[in-house]
Structures are given as C-alpha cells and as structure tokens.
Amino acid sequence: RGELDKAMNCFQDAIDIMRQNFNEKGSGPLVSSILSRIGGIFSKMGKLEEAMSHYQEAYDLATRTFGTTDHPEVAQVLHHIGGIHQREGNLDEAMRCYKNSAKIYQTTLGRKDPTVATTLVCIGSLHWKEKNLDGAMNYYKEALRLNRSAYGTRHPDVIPTMKSIGLIHAKKENFDYAIEIFTEVLNIICADVGHMHPEVAG
C-alpha cells in the first residue's frame, strides 16, 4: 500500500504542475495518461468509484485532445473502464466497453496487432461468465492467434489463454482436445522454468 501511495502522490503532483500551464492540444495526451494511471492506482486500492472518475476524465480529455474516439489511447482507457464495470458486476456495460475498445484497436492498429488480445480475452471471460462457451472460445482463439503470431507459439504469454481454451474443451467434454492443450501448456512451462519448478505441479 505504501508504494501505491507514493506513486499516487507523484502522479498527483505531476497533474497539478501540468494543469498550471495546461494547453489541451499540447498537454492533453500526457494529462490523460496520468489520469489513467491514477485511475489504475485507485483500482488496485479497491477504490472503484475514484478509479472510474479518473478513467472517465481521462476518456473525455483524450477524445477532445485527439478529436476522435478512434485512437489507441482512447481504446486503452475504454478497456480500463470496462474492467471497473466488470468488477462492479455491470457485465453489460463491461461488454460494451470492451467491444468498443477492441473495435477501436482494430481500426487504428490493424487486425493483426496483438495489442487488442488482452481486450479480446476479457470479452471471452465475460462470455464464460454468461456460460456462452462458444462465444468465449471464439474470442480466446482469436487472442491466442494474435499472441502466437506476435510472440511465437511457445512464449509464456500464450499460456493463460491456452488454459482458458483447455477449460472450455473440458467443460464441453472434449477431453482429448483439453488434454492435448494442457500437455502443450506443460511443455511450454517446462521449457521456460524447468521440470522441477513449482509451477509445473500446477
């Protein structure tokens, strides 16, 4: 908690300085980024109302600064807003934010850019919560495809999404597919940390 408080103080000081000489076009992107970071700290502290307030301010400033919602910075803030809605149990609003974020990422960065993968995983997790296994699978598979394309098929960052896909196969009683995926996950972990690492047992 102490480190979070220090970070919060630093960002608050930065915001105060920026606002003394504020020019929306010149300073807007940086101020929006700082507001988003403050929102992230509040989120880690569990202060969701304060987090949402700062994310919303960051979103409003970013859209004014860039003159459009079609910008990766806007997509990133929308993703964070979706995360707050999800934690508050507002799943419909969370889904709307995540989908808008994904659309903006794909419009501005292209459909092959892996930046959108995290948002796609979040959409998949909401489908999972709603017991829409096919919907979840579609988004997980697309996220996995992007990450594999960007980082390689045996990179540790692909493991969480592979596990999610494996769980869906198990839930649908496609046990052969599930075993195949979990075996591949185990092989990636062993190659990364060794056979004796505690993570292998998990």
Protein backbone atom coordinates (compact mmCIF):
# COMPACT_ATOMS: atom_id res chain seq x y z
CA ARG A 1 0.00 0.00 0.00
CA GLY A 2 2.88 2.36 0.79
CA GLU A 3 4.29 2.11 -2.73
CA LEU A 4 0.87 2.83 -4.20
CA ASP A 5 0.55 5.93 -2.01
CA LYS A 6 3.97 7.16 -3.16
CA ALA A 7 3.04 6.62 -6.79
CA MET A 8 -0.28 8.39 -6.25
CA ASN A 9 1.47 11.41 -4.72
CA CYS A 10 3.91 11.60 -7.64
CA PHE A 11 1.14 11.47 -10.22
CA GLN A 12 -0.99 13.99 -8.32
CA ASP A 13 2.00 16.38 -8.18
CA ALA A 14 2.51 15.89 -11.93
CA ILE A 15 -1.16 16.62 -12.62
CA ASP A 16 -1.04 19.81 -10.52
CA ILE A 17 2.04 21.05 -12.40
CA MET A 18 0.57 20.21 -15.79
CA ARG A 19 -2.71 21.95 -15.00
CA GLN A 20 -0.95 25.19 -14.06
CA ASN A 21 0.28 25.50 -17.64
CA PHE A 22 -2.40 23.47 -19.35
CA ASN A 23 -2.80 23.52 -23.10
CA GLU A 24 -5.28 20.87 -24.19
CA LYS A 25 -3.71 20.12 -27.56
CA GLY A 26 -0.15 20.16 -26.25
CA SER A 27 -0.55 18.72 -22.75
CA GLY A 28 -3.77 16.76 -23.22
CA PRO A 29 -2.26 13.37 -24.12
CA LEU A 30 0.12 13.42 -21.15
CA VAL A 31 -2.53 14.59 -18.69
CA SER A 32 -4.92 11.93 -19.99
CA SER A 33 -2.23 9.28 -19.49
CA ILE A 34 -1.53 10.45 -15.94
CA LEU A 35 -5.24 10.49 -15.09
CA SER A 36 -5.49 6.92 -16.38
CA ARG A 37 -2.51 5.88 -14.24
CA ILE A 38 -4.14 7.45 -11.16
CA GLY A 39 -7.28 5.52 -12.02
CA GLY A 40 -5.19 2.36 -12.13
CA ILE A 41 -3.79 3.02 -8.66
CA PHE A 42 -7.26 3.62 -7.24
CA SER A 43 -8.35 0.37 -8.90
CA LYS A 44 -5.51 -1.53 -7.20
CA MET A 45 -6.56 0.04 -3.90
CA GLY A 46 -10.10 -1.21 -4.45
CA LYS A 47 -11.46 2.34 -4.67
CA LEU A 48 -13.55 1.69 -7.75
CA GLU A 49 -15.60 4.88 -7.69
CA GLU A 50 -12.47 7.05 -7.64
CA ALA A 51 -10.90 4.85 -10.33
CA MET A 52 -13.94 5.23 -12.58
CA SER A 53 -13.98 9.00 -12.07
CA HIS A 54 -10.36 9.34 -13.20
CA TYR A 55 -10.75 6.93 -16.11
CA GLN A 56 -13.83 8.83 -17.28
CA GLU A 57 -11.98 12.14 -17.06
CA ALA A 58 -9.08 10.59 -18.99
CA TYR A 59 -11.50 9.32 -21.65
CA ASP A 60 -13.23 12.69 -22.05
CA LEU A 61 -9.91 14.54 -22.28
CA ALA A 62 -8.44 12.03 -24.74
CA THR A 63 -11.40 12.24 -27.11
CA ARG A 64 -11.25 16.06 -27.04
CA THR A 65 -7.47 16.11 -27.48
CA PHE A 66 -7.38 13.69 -30.41
CA GLY A 67 -10.65 14.97 -31.86
CA THR A 68 -11.95 11.42 -32.27
CA THR A 69 -12.67 8.22 -30.38
CA ASP A 70 -10.64 6.28 -32.96
CA HIS A 71 -7.29 6.39 -31.18
CA PRO A 72 -5.39 3.64 -29.31
CA GLU A 73 -5.18 5.80 -26.16
CA VAL A 74 -8.96 6.06 -26.12
CA ALA A 75 -9.24 2.30 -26.61
CA GLN A 76 -6.93 1.70 -23.67
CA VAL A 77 -8.96 3.91 -21.33
CA LEU A 78 -12.19 2.24 -22.50
CA HIS A 79 -10.66 -1.14 -21.67
CA HIS A 80 -9.93 0.07 -18.13
CA ILE A 81 -13.46 1.47 -17.74
CA GLY A 82 -14.78 -1.92 -18.84
CA GLY A 83 -12.65 -3.54 -16.15
CA ILE A 84 -14.20 -1.36 -13.44
CA HIS A 85 -17.72 -2.17 -14.70
CA GLN A 86 -16.83 -5.87 -14.62
CA ARG A 87 -15.58 -5.67 -11.04
CA GLU A 88 -18.76 -3.84 -10.05
CA GLY A 89 -20.86 -6.57 -11.68
CA ASN A 90 -22.13 -4.36 -14.52
CA LEU A 91 -21.40 -7.01 -17.12
CA ASP A 92 -23.45 -5.49 -19.96
CA GLU A 93 -21.60 -2.18 -19.63
CA ALA A 94 -18.30 -4.01 -19.33
CA MET A 95 -19.03 -5.93 -22.53
CA ARG A 96 -19.97 -2.72 -24.34
CA CYS A 97 -16.73 -1.01 -23.28
CA TYR A 98 -14.55 -3.99 -24.15
CA LYS A 99 -16.14 -4.40 -27.58
CA ASN A 100 -15.80 -0.69 -28.35
CA SER A 101 -12.19 -0.82 -27.20
CA ALA A 102 -11.46 -3.83 -29.41
CA LYS A 103 -13.09 -2.17 -32.39
CA ILE A 104 -11.00 0.98 -31.95
CA TYR A 105 -7.78 -1.02 -31.56
CA GLN A 106 -8.52 -2.98 -34.74
CA THR A 107 -9.48 0.16 -36.67
CA THR A 108 -6.41 2.14 -35.65
CA LEU A 109 -3.73 -0.56 -35.32
CA GLY A 110 -4.97 -3.17 -37.76
CA ARG A 111 -6.48 -6.59 -37.15
CA LYS A 112 -3.08 -8.29 -36.80
CA ASP A 113 -1.79 -6.13 -33.95
CA PRO A 114 -1.56 -8.08 -30.64
CA THR A 115 -2.45 -5.03 -28.50
CA VAL A 116 -6.13 -5.97 -28.77
CA ALA A 117 -5.55 -9.53 -27.49
CA THR A 118 -5.96 -8.63 -23.79
CA THR A 119 -9.31 -6.97 -24.53
CA LEU A 120 -10.43 -10.00 -26.56
CA VAL A 121 -9.58 -12.24 -23.60
CA CYS A 122 -11.72 -10.02 -21.34
CA ILE A 123 -14.64 -10.32 -23.76
CA GLY A 124 -14.13 -14.08 -23.76
CA SER A 125 -14.15 -14.16 -19.96
CA LEU A 126 -17.49 -12.33 -19.89
CA HIS A 127 -18.94 -14.89 -22.30
CA TRP A 128 -17.57 -17.59 -19.98
CA LYS A 129 -19.35 -15.97 -17.01
CA GLU A 130 -22.56 -15.95 -19.05
CA LYS A 131 -22.00 -19.67 -19.87
CA ASN A 132 -21.68 -18.83 -23.57
CA LEU A 133 -18.84 -21.29 -24.17
CA ASP A 134 -18.81 -20.95 -27.95
CA GLY A 135 -18.61 -17.16 -27.71
CA ALA A 136 -15.81 -17.40 -25.17
CA MET A 137 -13.93 -19.89 -27.35
CA ASN A 138 -14.09 -17.60 -30.39
CA TYR A 139 -12.54 -14.66 -28.55
CA TYR A 140 -9.93 -16.78 -26.76
CA LYS A 141 -8.87 -18.37 -30.05
CA GLU A 142 -8.51 -15.00 -31.77
CA ALA A 143 -6.46 -13.66 -28.85
CA LEU A 144 -4.27 -16.76 -28.95
CA ARG A 145 -3.77 -16.42 -32.70
CA LEU A 146 -2.62 -12.81 -32.33
CA ASN A 147 -0.26 -13.55 -29.45
CA ARG A 148 1.25 -16.56 -31.19
CA SER A 149 1.75 -14.54 -34.33
CA ALA A 150 3.49 -11.77 -32.38
CA TYR A 151 5.48 -13.72 -29.78
CA GLY A 152 5.71 -17.29 -31.07
CA THR A 153 3.81 -20.48 -30.26
CA ARG A 154 5.89 -21.34 -27.19
CA HIS A 155 6.04 -17.96 -25.46
CA PRO A 156 4.88 -17.95 -21.78
CA ASP A 157 2.41 -15.14 -22.53
CA VAL A 158 0.23 -17.54 -24.56
CA ILE A 159 -0.26 -19.87 -21.57
CA PRO A 160 -3.24 -18.19 -19.79
CA THR A 161 -5.32 -18.11 -22.97
CA MET A 162 -4.40 -21.71 -23.80
CA LYS A 163 -5.52 -22.75 -20.31
CA SER A 164 -8.86 -20.98 -20.83
CA ILE A 165 -9.36 -22.79 -24.14
CA GLY A 166 -8.46 -26.08 -22.46
CA LEU A 167 -11.02 -25.45 -19.71
CA ILE A 168 -13.74 -24.83 -22.29
CA HIS A 169 -12.91 -28.10 -24.05
CA ALA A 170 -13.08 -29.88 -20.69
CA LYS A 171 -16.39 -28.19 -19.86
CA LYS A 172 -17.78 -29.37 -23.22
CA GLU A 173 -16.39 -32.85 -22.51
CA ASN A 174 -13.96 -32.64 -25.42
CA PHE A 175 -11.38 -34.29 -23.20
CA ASP A 176 -8.93 -35.29 -25.93
CA TYR A 177 -8.61 -31.66 -27.04
CA ALA A 178 -8.34 -30.50 -23.42
CA ILE A 179 -5.56 -32.98 -22.64
CA GLU A 180 -3.72 -32.01 -25.83
CA ILE A 181 -3.79 -28.30 -24.89
CA PHE A 182 -2.83 -28.81 -21.24
CA THR A 183 0.05 -31.06 -22.34
CA GLU A 184 1.26 -28.32 -24.66
CA VAL A 185 0.97 -25.79 -21.80
CA LEU A 186 3.02 -28.08 -19.57
CA ASN A 187 5.70 -28.43 -22.24
CA ILE A 188 5.95 -24.64 -22.61
CA ILE A 189 6.26 -24.18 -18.84
CA CYS A 190 8.90 -26.92 -18.56
CA ALA A 191 10.91 -25.35 -21.38
CA ASP A 192 10.69 -21.96 -19.66
CA VAL A 193 11.29 -22.77 -15.97
CA GLY A 194 12.37 -26.43 -15.87
CA HIS A 195 10.65 -29.64 -14.81
CA MET A 196 11.27 -29.14 -11.06
CA HIS A 197 9.64 -25.70 -10.80
CA PRO A 198 6.52 -25.47 -8.54
CA GLU A 199 4.51 -24.00 -11.45
CA VAL A 200 4.82 -27.33 -13.27
CA ALA A 201 2.89 -29.03 -10.49
CA GLY A 202 0.00 -26.61 -11.06
